[in-house]
């Protein structure tokens, strides 16, 4: 019977410290260990699961390292892991997961580096390191993942984004909130498919927003709340699909709001609360859907 099993869900087994021998589960496609907070060891027999597509280890707080055998999961498309303060780095065998499309390693506060080999995982479309605050520098190979659609770097220790971010032509969502980011690179304007740019509570982010942001014709959400930006460029009025503009508590924002902002016909949410602006342009009355 076990040989026919497609899904094995051991989620929230709070007393599980080691996964069982998986050698007989050769047809397994989904393996869930989410919430196994006392799990320490993943049995090396996991290498036998050549058909496994999803491995969910969210909330496996006690795991200190993943076995090299994880790199044998040649069919794996989704990997989810979060919550371990003991995990410092990922096994180098991760570079063998050529089918991986979704990579999510979140809130591993002890993790301080990511191998350059991540750039070899060319099929990744969703990539998240949210809450891995020990990571202060990202591998340059990350910016070569040309199929990337969603990138979440929130709560990292990074202070910059390289110009090579412009290589990610398919990127639709980028989240860099709660980081030490100091500026948005001009290359941000090369992300022609971008729909959402989230930078809330980047307390070191200051100065003018780059003019190149006006090239993001598909942008729907721009969140710069609680930053020290001092002005919005006139090119922001080129964002014809913009639905939400958040600059709440940007207390350095004292320059005039571009007059043509009222021409953004899709705008629904315009949040300038707790800023130092002196007024709104008359064109604001042209907005048909403000909230």
C-alpha atoms as a PDB file:
ATOM      1  CA  UNK A   1       0.000   0.000   0.000  1.00  0.00           C
ATOM      2  CA  UNK A   2       2.739   2.447   0.958  1.00  0.00           C
ATOM      3  CA  UNK A   3       4.308   2.046  -2.460  1.00  0.00           C
ATOM      4  CA  UNK A   4       1.229   3.694  -4.061  1.00  0.00           C
ATOM      5  CA  UNK A   5       1.173   6.673  -1.669  1.00  0.00           C
ATOM      6  CA  UNK A   6       1.245  10.089  -3.387  1.00  0.00           C
ATOM      7  CA  UNK A   7       0.843  12.387  -0.374  1.00  0.00           C
ATOM      8  CA  UNK A   8       2.318  11.995   3.111  1.00  0.00           C
ATOM      9  CA  UNK A   9       1.186  14.648   5.582  1.00  0.00           C
ATOM     10  CA  UNK A  10       2.914  14.628   8.973  1.00  0.00           C
ATOM     11  CA  UNK A  11       2.166  18.286   9.615  1.00  0.00           C
ATOM     12  CA  UNK A  12       2.049  19.459  13.255  1.00  0.00           C
ATOM     13  CA  UNK A  13       3.345  16.176  14.661  1.00  0.00           C
ATOM     14  CA  UNK A  14       4.839  18.025  17.617  1.00  0.00           C
ATOM     15  CA  UNK A  15       6.764  15.046  19.013  1.00  0.00           C
ATOM     16  CA  UNK A  16       8.333  13.875  15.756  1.00  0.00           C
ATOM     17  CA  UNK A  17      12.121  14.223  15.985  1.00  0.00           C
ATOM     18  CA  UNK A  18      13.135  12.223  12.925  1.00  0.00           C
ATOM     19  CA  UNK A  19      11.400  11.353   9.685  1.00  0.00           C
ATOM     20  CA  UNK A  20      10.759   7.655   9.087  1.00  0.00           C
ATOM     21  CA  UNK A  21      12.562   5.490   6.562  1.00  0.00           C
ATOM     22  CA  UNK A  22      11.057   6.594   3.261  1.00  0.00           C
ATOM     23  CA  UNK A  23      12.560   3.896   1.048  1.00  0.00           C
ATOM     24  CA  UNK A  24       9.191   2.301   0.254  1.00  0.00           C
ATOM     25  CA  UNK A  25       7.432   5.553  -0.698  1.00  0.00           C
ATOM     26  CA  UNK A  26       8.783   5.655  -4.229  1.00  0.00           C
ATOM     27  CA  UNK A  27       5.663   7.263  -5.769  1.00  0.00           C
ATOM     28  CA  UNK A  28       5.436  10.057  -3.183  1.00  0.00           C
ATOM     29  CA  UNK A  29       4.838  13.490  -4.741  1.00  0.00           C
ATOM     30  CA  UNK A  30       3.968  15.666  -1.731  1.00  0.00           C
ATOM     31  CA  UNK A  31       5.668  15.433   1.678  1.00  0.00           C
ATOM     32  CA  UNK A  32       4.434  17.775   4.408  1.00  0.00           C
ATOM     33  CA  UNK A  33       6.326  18.296   7.656  1.00  0.00           C
ATOM     34  CA  UNK A  34       5.021  21.793   8.397  1.00  0.00           C
ATOM     35  CA  UNK A  35       4.749  22.550  12.102  1.00  0.00           C
ATOM     36  CA  UNK A  36       6.942  19.660  13.262  1.00  0.00           C
ATOM     37  CA  UNK A  37       8.664  21.929  15.759  1.00  0.00           C
ATOM     38  CA  UNK A  38      10.790  19.191  17.373  1.00  0.00           C
ATOM     39  CA  UNK A  39      11.995  17.633  14.134  1.00  0.00           C
ATOM     40  CA  UNK A  40      15.799  17.492  14.104  1.00  0.00           C
ATOM     41  CA  UNK A  41      16.749  14.949  11.453  1.00  0.00           C
ATOM     42  CA  UNK A  42      15.510  14.226   7.952  1.00  0.00           C
ATOM     43  CA  UNK A  43      16.326  10.591   7.195  1.00  0.00           C
ATOM     44  CA  UNK A  44      18.780  10.151   4.330  1.00  0.00           C
ATOM     45  CA  UNK A  45      16.306   7.810   2.635  1.00  0.00           C
ATOM     46  CA  UNK A  46      14.603  10.956   1.344  1.00  0.00           C
ATOM     47  CA  UNK A  47      16.959  10.554  -1.609  1.00  0.00           C
ATOM     48  CA  UNK A  48      14.734   7.699  -2.814  1.00  0.00           C
ATOM     49  CA  UNK A  49      11.825  10.058  -3.497  1.00  0.00           C
ATOM     50  CA  UNK A  50      12.698  10.735  -7.118  1.00  0.00           C
ATOM     51  CA  UNK A  51       9.097  11.740  -7.967  1.00  0.00           C
ATOM     52  CA  UNK A  52       8.693  14.189  -5.062  1.00  0.00           C
ATOM     53  CA  UNK A  53       7.425  17.577  -6.245  1.00  0.00           C
ATOM     54  CA  UNK A  54       6.629  19.411  -2.997  1.00  0.00           C
ATOM     55  CA  UNK A  55       8.553  19.411   0.292  1.00  0.00           C
ATOM     56  CA  UNK A  56       7.001  21.615   2.973  1.00  0.00           C
ATOM     57  CA  UNK A  57       9.045  22.115   6.146  1.00  0.00           C
ATOM     58  CA  UNK A  58       7.584  25.414   7.309  1.00  0.00           C
ATOM     59  CA  UNK A  59       7.856  25.727  11.083  1.00  0.00           C
ATOM     60  CA  UNK A  60      10.482  23.011  11.544  1.00  0.00           C
ATOM     61  CA  UNK A  61      12.145  25.143  14.210  1.00  0.00           C
ATOM     62  CA  UNK A  62      14.662  22.583  15.476  1.00  0.00           C
ATOM     63  CA  UNK A  63      16.263  21.531  12.187  1.00  0.00           C
ATOM     64  CA  UNK A  64      19.951  22.482  12.174  1.00  0.00           C
ATOM     65  CA  UNK A  65      20.867  21.247   8.719  1.00  0.00           C
ATOM     66  CA  UNK A  66      19.383  19.521   5.725  1.00  0.00           C
ATOM     67  CA  UNK A  67      20.957  16.305   4.480  1.00  0.00           C
ATOM     68  CA  UNK A  68      22.990  16.268   1.271  1.00  0.00           C
ATOM     69  CA  UNK A  69      20.476  13.748  -0.037  1.00  0.00           C
ATOM     70  CA  UNK A  70      17.924  16.528  -0.590  1.00  0.00           C
ATOM     71  CA  UNK A  71      19.910  17.301  -3.722  1.00  0.00           C
ATOM     72  CA  UNK A  72      18.768  13.978  -5.185  1.00  0.00           C
ATOM     73  CA  UNK A  73      15.149  15.141  -5.459  1.00  0.00           C
ATOM     74  CA  UNK A  74      15.344  15.696  -9.189  1.00  0.00           C
ATOM     75  CA  UNK A  75      11.577  16.266  -9.639  1.00  0.00           C
ATOM     76  CA  UNK A  76      11.211  18.770  -6.771  1.00  0.00           C
ATOM     77  CA  UNK A  77       9.425  21.934  -7.891  1.00  0.00           C
ATOM     78  CA  UNK A  78       8.470  23.481  -4.524  1.00  0.00           C
ATOM     79  CA  UNK A  79      10.551  23.792  -1.362  1.00  0.00           C
ATOM     80  CA  UNK A  80       9.224  25.545   1.746  1.00  0.00           C
ATOM     81  CA  UNK A  81      11.224  25.924   4.938  1.00  0.00           C
ATOM     82  CA  UNK A  82      10.912  28.422   7.771  1.00  0.00           C
ATOM     83  CA  UNK A  83      11.416  29.138  11.425  1.00  0.00           C
ATOM     84  CA  UNK A  84      14.775  27.566  12.259  1.00  0.00           C
ATOM     85  CA  UNK A  85      17.213  29.851  14.069  1.00  0.00           C
ATOM     86  CA  UNK A  86      19.790  27.046  13.981  1.00  0.00           C
ATOM     87  CA  UNK A  87      20.096  26.655  10.207  1.00  0.00           C
ATOM     88  CA  UNK A  88      23.167  28.612   9.071  1.00  0.00           C
ATOM     89  CA  UNK A  89      23.331  27.689   5.406  1.00  0.00           C
ATOM     90  CA  UNK A  90      21.838  25.313   2.863  1.00  0.00           C
ATOM     91  CA  UNK A  91      23.558  22.197   1.658  1.00  0.00           C
ATOM     92  CA  UNK A  92      25.549  22.675  -1.553  1.00  0.00           C
ATOM     93  CA  UNK A  93      23.570  19.831  -3.099  1.00  0.00           C
ATOM     94  CA  UNK A  94      20.698  22.291  -3.604  1.00  0.00           C
ATOM     95  CA  UNK A  95      22.384  23.218  -6.872  1.00  0.00           C
ATOM     96  CA  UNK A  96      21.151  19.889  -8.266  1.00  0.00           C
ATOM     97  CA  UNK A  97      17.462  20.772  -7.908  1.00  0.00           C
ATOM     98  CA  UNK A  98      17.127  21.798 -11.533  1.00  0.00           C
ATOM     99  CA  UNK A  99      13.315  21.444 -11.580  1.00  0.00           C
ATOM    100  CA  UNK A 100      12.781  23.832  -8.651  1.00  0.00           C
ATOM    101  CA  UNK A 101      10.365  26.665  -9.459  1.00  0.00           C
ATOM    102  CA  UNK A 102       9.417  27.876  -5.962  1.00  0.00           C
ATOM    103  CA  UNK A 103      12.077  28.448  -3.281  1.00  0.00           C
ATOM    104  CA  UNK A 104      10.952  29.757   0.101  1.00  0.00           C
ATOM    105  CA  UNK A 105      13.327  29.818   3.082  1.00  0.00           C
ATOM    106  CA  UNK A 106      11.885  32.297   5.567  1.00  0.00           C
ATOM    107  CA  UNK A 107      12.638  33.525   9.099  1.00  0.00           C
ATOM    108  CA  UNK A 108      15.811  31.492   9.505  1.00  0.00           C
ATOM    109  CA  UNK A 109      17.527  34.129  11.603  1.00  0.00           C
ATOM    110  CA  UNK A 110      20.777  32.210  11.974  1.00  0.00           C
ATOM    111  CA  UNK A 111      21.234  31.923   8.232  1.00  0.00           C
ATOM    112  CA  UNK A 112      23.995  34.281   7.111  1.00  0.00           C
ATOM    113  CA  UNK A 113      24.821  33.329   3.546  1.00  0.00           C
ATOM    114  CA  UNK A 114      23.452  31.853   0.377  1.00  0.00           C
ATOM    115  CA  UNK A 115      25.645  29.970  -2.064  1.00  0.00           C
ATOM    116  CA  UNK A 116      26.373  31.293  -5.556  1.00  0.00           C
ATOM    117  CA  UNK A 117      25.123  27.945  -6.825  1.00  0.00           C
ATOM    118  CA  UNK A 118      21.562  29.249  -6.408  1.00  0.00           C
ATOM    119  CA  UNK A 119      22.035  30.890  -9.797  1.00  0.00           C
ATOM    120  CA  UNK A 120      22.078  27.475 -11.434  1.00  0.00           C
ATOM    121  CA  UNK A 121      18.422  26.884 -10.568  1.00  0.00           C
ATOM    122  CA  UNK A 122      17.246  28.464 -13.784  1.00  0.00           C
ATOM    123  CA  UNK A 123      13.564  27.450 -13.497  1.00  0.00           C
ATOM    124  CA  UNK A 124      12.851  29.376 -10.281  1.00  0.00           C
ATOM    125  CA  UNK A 125       9.908  31.759 -10.632  1.00  0.00           C
ATOM    126  CA  UNK A 126       9.206  32.487  -6.934  1.00  0.00           C
ATOM    127  CA  UNK A 127      12.056  33.191  -4.524  1.00  0.00           C
ATOM    128  CA  UNK A 128      11.710  34.211  -0.875  1.00  0.00           C
ATOM    129  CA  UNK A 129      14.216  34.773   1.916  1.00  0.00           C
ATOM    130  CA  UNK A 130      11.849  36.817   4.070  1.00  0.00           C
ATOM    131  CA  UNK A 131      13.038  37.320   7.641  1.00  0.00           C
ATOM    132  CA  UNK A 132      16.549  35.879   7.165  1.00  0.00           C
ATOM    133  CA  UNK A 133      17.977  38.997   8.777  1.00  0.00           C
ATOM    134  CA  UNK A 134      21.511  37.580   9.030  1.00  0.00           C
ATOM    135  CA  UNK A 135      21.890  37.740   5.251  1.00  0.00           C
ATOM    136  CA  UNK A 136      23.573  41.044   4.461  1.00  0.00           C
ATOM    137  CA  UNK A 137      24.752  40.224   0.967  1.00  0.00           C
ATOM    138  CA  UNK A 138      23.069  38.288  -1.801  1.00  0.00           C
ATOM    139  CA  UNK A 139      24.933  36.119  -4.314  1.00  0.00           C
ATOM    140  CA  UNK A 140      25.464  37.878  -7.647  1.00  0.00           C
ATOM    141  CA  UNK A 141      24.079  34.816  -9.423  1.00  0.00           C
ATOM    142  CA  UNK A 142      20.612  35.556  -8.007  1.00  0.00           C
ATOM    143  CA  UNK A 143      20.208  38.322 -10.562  1.00  0.00           C
ATOM    144  CA  UNK A 144      20.639  35.828 -13.380  1.00  0.00           C
ATOM    145  CA  UNK A 145      17.406  33.955 -12.604  1.00  0.00           C
ATOM    146  CA  UNK A 146      15.659  35.275 -15.689  1.00  0.00           C
ATOM    147  CA  UNK A 147      12.337  33.469 -15.103  1.00  0.00           C
ATOM    148  CA  UNK A 148      11.834  35.060 -11.683  1.00  0.00           C
ATOM    149  CA  UNK A 149       8.322  36.477 -11.230  1.00  0.00           C
ATOM    150  CA  UNK A 150       8.146  37.091  -7.469  1.00  0.00           C
ATOM    151  CA  UNK A 151      11.037  38.108  -5.207  1.00  0.00           C
ATOM    152  CA  UNK A 152      10.640  38.613  -1.445  1.00  0.00           C
ATOM    153  CA  UNK A 153      13.682  39.984   0.390  1.00  0.00           C
ATOM    154  CA  UNK A 154      11.757  41.593   3.270  1.00  0.00           C
ATOM    155  CA  UNK A 155      13.433  41.803   6.687  1.00  0.00           C
ATOM    156  CA  UNK A 156      16.933  41.019   5.340  1.00  0.00           C
ATOM    157  CA  UNK A 157      20.114  42.834   6.366  1.00  0.00           C
ATOM    158  CA  UNK A 158      20.828  44.062   2.820  1.00  0.00           C
ATOM    159  CA  UNK A 159      21.507  47.762   2.194  1.00  0.00           C
ATOM    160  CA  UNK A 160      21.496  47.844  -1.607  1.00  0.00           C
ATOM    161  CA  UNK A 161      20.167  46.305  -4.787  1.00  0.00           C
ATOM    162  CA  UNK A 162      22.578  45.938  -7.718  1.00  0.00           C
ATOM    163  CA  UNK A 163      21.997  47.367 -11.184  1.00  0.00           C
ATOM    164  CA  UNK A 164      21.888  43.774 -12.404  1.00  0.00           C
ATOM    165  CA  UNK A 165      18.388  43.548 -10.945  1.00  0.00           C
ATOM    166  CA  UNK A 166      17.419  44.966 -14.314  1.00  0.00           C
ATOM    167  CA  UNK A 167      18.089  41.528 -15.806  1.00  0.00           C
ATOM    168  CA  UNK A 168      14.921  40.141 -14.216  1.00  0.00           C
ATOM    169  CA  UNK A 169      12.662  41.091 -17.108  1.00  0.00           C
ATOM    170  CA  UNK A 170       9.768  38.850 -16.027  1.00  0.00           C
ATOM    171  CA  UNK A 171       9.643  40.111 -12.435  1.00  0.00           C
ATOM    172  CA  UNK A 172       6.141  41.154 -11.364  1.00  0.00           C
ATOM    173  CA  UNK A 173       6.462  41.504  -7.577  1.00  0.00           C
ATOM    174  CA  UNK A 174       9.410  42.658  -5.488  1.00  0.00           C
ATOM    175  CA  UNK A 175       9.294  43.071  -1.706  1.00  0.00           C
ATOM    176  CA  UNK A 176      12.213  44.715   0.091  1.00  0.00           C
ATOM    177  CA  UNK A 177      10.407  46.203   3.089  1.00  0.00           C
ATOM    178  CA  UNK A 178      12.045  46.416   6.524  1.00  0.00           C
ATOM    179  CA  UNK A 179      15.579  46.239   5.079  1.00  0.00           C
ATOM    180  CA  UNK A 180      18.504  48.675   5.296  1.00  0.00           C
ATOM    181  CA  UNK A 181      18.081  49.692   1.673  1.00  0.00           C
ATOM    182  CA  UNK A 182      19.501  53.172   1.076  1.00  0.00           C
ATOM    183  CA  UNK A 183      18.296  53.875  -2.441  1.00  0.00           C
ATOM    184  CA  UNK A 184      16.419  52.406  -5.354  1.00  0.00           C
ATOM    185  CA  UNK A 185      18.758  51.760  -8.295  1.00  0.00           C
ATOM    186  CA  UNK A 186      18.020  53.405 -11.647  1.00  0.00           C
ATOM    187  CA  UNK A 187      17.911  49.889 -13.101  1.00  0.00           C
ATOM    188  CA  UNK A 188      14.576  49.377 -11.336  1.00  0.00           C
ATOM    189  CA  UNK A 189      13.088  51.054 -14.396  1.00  0.00           C
ATOM    190  CA  UNK A 190      14.175  48.135 -16.570  1.00  0.00           C
ATOM    191  CA  UNK A 191      11.676  45.801 -14.883  1.00  0.00           C
ATOM    192  CA  UNK A 192       9.055  46.405 -17.525  1.00  0.00           C
ATOM    193  CA  UNK A 193       6.637  43.730 -16.270  1.00  0.00           C
ATOM    194  CA  UNK A 194       6.710  44.858 -12.616  1.00  0.00           C
ATOM    195  CA  UNK A 195       3.266  45.162 -11.036  1.00  0.00           C
ATOM    196  CA  UNK A 196       4.108  45.598  -7.339  1.00  0.00           C
ATOM    197  CA  UNK A 197       7.019  47.347  -5.611  1.00  0.00           C
ATOM    198  CA  UNK A 198       6.936  47.131  -1.808  1.00  0.00           C
ATOM    199  CA  UNK A 199       9.525  49.084   0.224  1.00  0.00           C
ATOM    200  CA  UNK A 200       7.743  49.935   3.514  1.00  0.00           C
ATOM    201  CA  UNK A 201       9.794  50.761   6.604  1.00  0.00           C
ATOM    202  CA  UNK A 202      13.141  50.946   4.817  1.00  0.00           C
ATOM    203  CA  UNK A 203      14.282  53.534   7.342  1.00  0.00           C
ATOM    204  CA  UNK A 204      17.542  54.274   5.503  1.00  0.00           C
ATOM    205  CA  UNK A 205      15.870  54.824   2.134  1.00  0.00           C
ATOM    206  CA  UNK A 206      16.220  58.512   1.330  1.00  0.00           C
ATOM    207  CA  UNK A 207      16.465  61.059  -1.467  1.00  0.00           C
ATOM    208  CA  UNK A 208      14.466  61.239  -4.661  1.00  0.00           C
ATOM    209  CA  UNK A 209      12.770  58.241  -6.198  1.00  0.00           C
ATOM    210  CA  UNK A 210      14.593  57.626  -9.518  1.00  0.00           C
ATOM    211  CA  UNK A 211      13.028  59.045 -12.678  1.00  0.00           C
ATOM    212  CA  UNK A 212      13.297  55.618 -14.270  1.00  0.00           C
ATOM    213  CA  UNK A 213      10.359  54.442 -12.181  1.00  0.00           C
ATOM    214  CA  UNK A 214       8.202  56.061 -14.831  1.00  0.00           C
ATOM    215  CA  UNK A 215       9.123  53.193 -17.161  1.00  0.00           C
ATOM    216  CA  UNK A 216       7.169  50.702 -15.054  1.00  0.00           C
ATOM    217  CA  UNK A 217       4.044  50.952 -17.172  1.00  0.00           C
ATOM    218  CA  UNK A 218       2.446  47.862 -15.605  1.00  0.00           C
ATOM    219  CA  UNK A 219       2.979  48.973 -11.990  1.00  0.00           C
ATOM    220  CA  UNK A 220      -0.176  48.704  -9.890  1.00  0.00           C
ATOM    221  CA  UNK A 221       1.124  49.067  -6.314  1.00  0.00           C
ATOM    222  CA  UNK A 222       3.925  51.348  -5.099  1.00  0.00           C
ATOM    223  CA  UNK A 223       4.533  51.294  -1.338  1.00  0.00           C
ATOM    224  CA  UNK A 224       7.197  53.637   0.029  1.00  0.00           C
ATOM    225  CA  UNK A 225       5.602  54.099   3.463  1.00  0.00           C
ATOM    226  CA  UNK A 226       7.747  55.031   6.474  1.00  0.00           C
ATOM    227  CA  UNK A 227      10.863  55.858   4.442  1.00  0.00           C
ATOM    228  CA  UNK A 228      12.871  59.075   4.152  1.00  0.00           C
ATOM    229  CA  UNK A 229      12.227  59.756   0.482  1.00  0.00           C
ATOM    230  CA  UNK A 230      12.167  63.474  -0.217  1.00  0.00           C
ATOM    231  CA  UNK A 231      10.267  63.603  -3.463  1.00  0.00           C
ATOM    232  CA  UNK A 232       8.361  61.843  -6.199  1.00  0.00           C
ATOM    233  CA  UNK A 233       9.527  62.330  -9.800  1.00  0.00           C
ATOM    234  CA  UNK A 234       7.260  63.837 -12.446  1.00  0.00           C
ATOM    235  CA  UNK A 235       7.607  60.561 -14.342  1.00  0.00           C
ATOM    236  CA  UNK A 236       5.355  58.892 -11.783  1.00  0.00           C
ATOM    237  CA  UNK A 237       2.498  60.244 -13.861  1.00  0.00           C
ATOM    238  CA  UNK A 238       3.476  57.754 -16.588  1.00  0.00           C
ATOM    239  CA  UNK A 239       2.244  54.888 -14.412  1.00  0.00           C
ATOM    240  CA  UNK A 240      -1.109  54.576 -16.125  1.00  0.00           C
ATOM    241  CA  UNK A 241      -2.013  51.297 -14.368  1.00  0.00           C
ATOM    242  CA  UNK A 242      -1.139  52.464 -10.841  1.00  0.00           C
ATOM    243  CA  UNK A 243      -3.906  51.586  -8.383  1.00  0.00           C
ATOM    244  CA  UNK A 244      -2.229  52.196  -5.013  1.00  0.00           C
ATOM    245  CA  UNK A 245       0.364  54.779  -3.961  1.00  0.00           C
ATOM    246  CA  UNK A 246       1.473  54.592  -0.325  1.00  0.00           C
ATOM    247  CA  UNK A 247       3.829  57.221   1.129  1.00  0.00           C
ATOM    248  CA  UNK A 248       2.425  57.237   4.661  1.00  0.00           C
ATOM    249  CA  UNK A 249       4.752  58.719   7.321  1.00  0.00           C
ATOM    250  CA  UNK A 250       7.341  59.838   4.759  1.00  0.00           C
ATOM    251  CA  UNK A 251       8.129  62.897   6.861  1.00  0.00           C
ATOM    252  CA  UNK A 252      10.905  64.112   4.549  1.00  0.00           C
ATOM    253  CA  UNK A 253       8.440  64.351   1.682  1.00  0.00           C
ATOM    254  CA  UNK A 254       8.079  68.113   1.390  1.00  0.00           C
ATOM    255  CA  UNK A 255       8.340  68.708  -2.354  1.00  0.00           C
ATOM    256  CA  UNK A 256       5.255  69.344  -4.427  1.00  0.00           C
ATOM    257  CA  UNK A 257       3.253  66.421  -5.674  1.00  0.00           C
ATOM    258  CA  UNK A 258       3.417  66.198  -9.482  1.00  0.00           C
ATOM    259  CA  UNK A 259       0.436  68.100 -10.925  1.00  0.00           C
ATOM    260  CA  UNK A 260      -0.470  65.393 -13.391  1.00  0.00           C
ATOM    261  CA  UNK A 261      -1.021  62.792 -10.666  1.00  0.00           C
ATOM    262  CA  UNK A 262      -4.720  63.383 -11.191  1.00  0.00           C
ATOM    263  CA  UNK A 263      -4.390  61.834 -14.627  1.00  0.00           C
ATOM    264  CA  UNK A 264      -3.732  58.393 -13.121  1.00  0.00           C
ATOM    265  CA  UNK A 265      -7.193  57.113 -13.913  1.00  0.00           C
ATOM    266  CA  UNK A 266      -6.745  53.707 -12.224  1.00  0.00           C
ATOM    267  CA  UNK A 267      -5.666  55.134  -8.851  1.00  0.00           C
ATOM    268  CA  UNK A 268      -7.856  53.861  -5.996  1.00  0.00           C
ATOM    269  CA  UNK A 269      -5.701  54.411  -2.908  1.00  0.00           C
ATOM    270  CA  UNK A 270      -3.592  57.529  -2.367  1.00  0.00           C
ATOM    271  CA  UNK A 271      -2.061  57.551   1.124  1.00  0.00           C
ATOM    272  CA  UNK A 272      -0.135  60.698   2.082  1.00  0.00           C
ATOM    273  CA  UNK A 273      -1.041  60.494   5.784  1.00  0.00           C
ATOM    274  CA  UNK A 274       1.461  61.845   8.329  1.00  0.00           C
ATOM    275  CA  UNK A 275       3.631  63.555   5.701  1.00  0.00           C
ATOM    276  CA  UNK A 276       4.692  67.207   5.504  1.00  0.00           C
ATOM    277  CA  UNK A 277       3.022  68.074   2.213  1.00  0.00           C
ATOM    278  CA  UNK A 278       1.335  71.487   2.018  1.00  0.00           C
ATOM    279  CA  UNK A 279      -1.505  70.485  -0.245  1.00  0.00           C
ATOM    280  CA  UNK A 280      -2.707  68.443  -3.170  1.00  0.00           C
ATOM    281  CA  UNK A 281      -2.702  69.521  -6.824  1.00  0.00           C
ATOM    282  CA  UNK A 282      -6.016  70.642  -8.298  1.00  0.00           C
ATOM    283  CA  UNK A 283      -5.941  67.698 -10.701  1.00  0.00           C
ATOM    284  CA  UNK A 284      -6.674  65.377  -7.782  1.00  0.00           C
ATOM    285  CA  UNK A 285     -10.365  66.005  -8.476  1.00  0.00           C
ATOM    286  CA  UNK A 286      -9.953  64.126 -11.760  1.00  0.00           C
ATOM    287  CA  UNK A 287      -9.483  60.838  -9.950  1.00  0.00           C
ATOM    288  CA  UNK A 288     -12.548  58.670 -10.394  1.00  0.00           C
ATOM    289  CA  UNK A 289     -11.805  55.836  -7.931  1.00  0.00           C
ATOM    290  CA  UNK A 290      -9.909  57.317  -4.931  1.00  0.00           C
ATOM    291  CA  UNK A 291     -10.262  55.702  -1.497  1.00  0.00           C
END
